[in-house]
Amino acid sequence: MTDTEEGDLLGRVVEWASQQPDIAALVMTGSRARPEGGDELSDYDLEIFTSNPTALTDSEDWFRGLGNVWVHLPAEAERGCPTRLVVYEGGEKADFSILPIEVLQQAVEKQALGALYERGYTVLLDKTGLASQLPPPTYQPPVHELPTEAAYRELIEEFWFEASHIPKYLERGDLWVVKFRDWTMKELLRTMLEWHALAPGGKGNDVWYIGMRMKEWVQPGVWERLHDAFGRFDVADSWRALLSTVSLFRDLAVATGMKLGFRYPQEVDDAVSGYIGEFETKFGRAAP
């Protein structure tokens, strides 16, 4: 079907694609294609199936002709296909994925949807009738694998490795490096948050991507503790945020290990947290 009611940009894309002889189908994925729908700030995630992908990858004219481009970024999607990430005037963003028609043909032949399409998709243009032969989406999130005990321990050791650096850089006043190390810790914390939510006894729901909708899927009380884990660009508040971060990570890691039957490496925690505690007199708050 062709749906141009989502907005002027989407209407222009559909109209443009309908006039291109090489384009066989246009499919929308992402939040706008799911039952709950997106909001007015949501991106347009659009997949272009074409018999001539190089015509789109070798030119910028086609996406520039759809509106006043503020900025664009050529990239590659996780599936390996080229993409064009474009922000148009007014802040509307479209993520164009460029795929050969054979990819659509294979999906129809196998009657199998990847994780992206299982979440939800909408066929916006289907010149050959091929896209309409895709199986309906289940609207289910992908299956998230829980870690092995080796991966669990490796992540914990990396977290404490990063944490051991921060007091040194605080002592030197190297606040940029503090934030650099701190963000690495936050990425590791995010992974532990996901494992904690997905482990037996957790909510078991979708943990989304890069922390999206985190407030919905973390366990009760965790979201509130996260507010204390981020600090300002100064020594005192960075120290406070460090202590809050390691305290939250420890609690999540211990609980996750118990759920999965893994041993928490307390000796690593004791060694590094003990070292961090040596800086208490300099920064004014006891390590947890």
Foldseek 3Di string as FASTA:
>chain_A
DADPPLDLLSVLVLVLLVPDPFWAFKKWFDQCFAPVHDDPLDATEIETEGQCLCVVVVDDVSVCVSAAWPDWDWDADPVGFIWIWTQHPPRHIYIYTYHYNVVLVVCLVVLDDDQRPLLGMDINGGNPCSNVSRDHHVNAHDDDDADDLVVLQVLVLLLLVLLLCQVVCLVVLVLVVNVVSLVVNVVSLLVLQVLLQCFPPHPNGDCDPPRPPVVVRGDPPLVVLVVQLDADSHSLSSLSNSLSSVVSSVVSSVNSCVRVVHDDPVVSVCVSLVSSQVCCVVRPDGRD
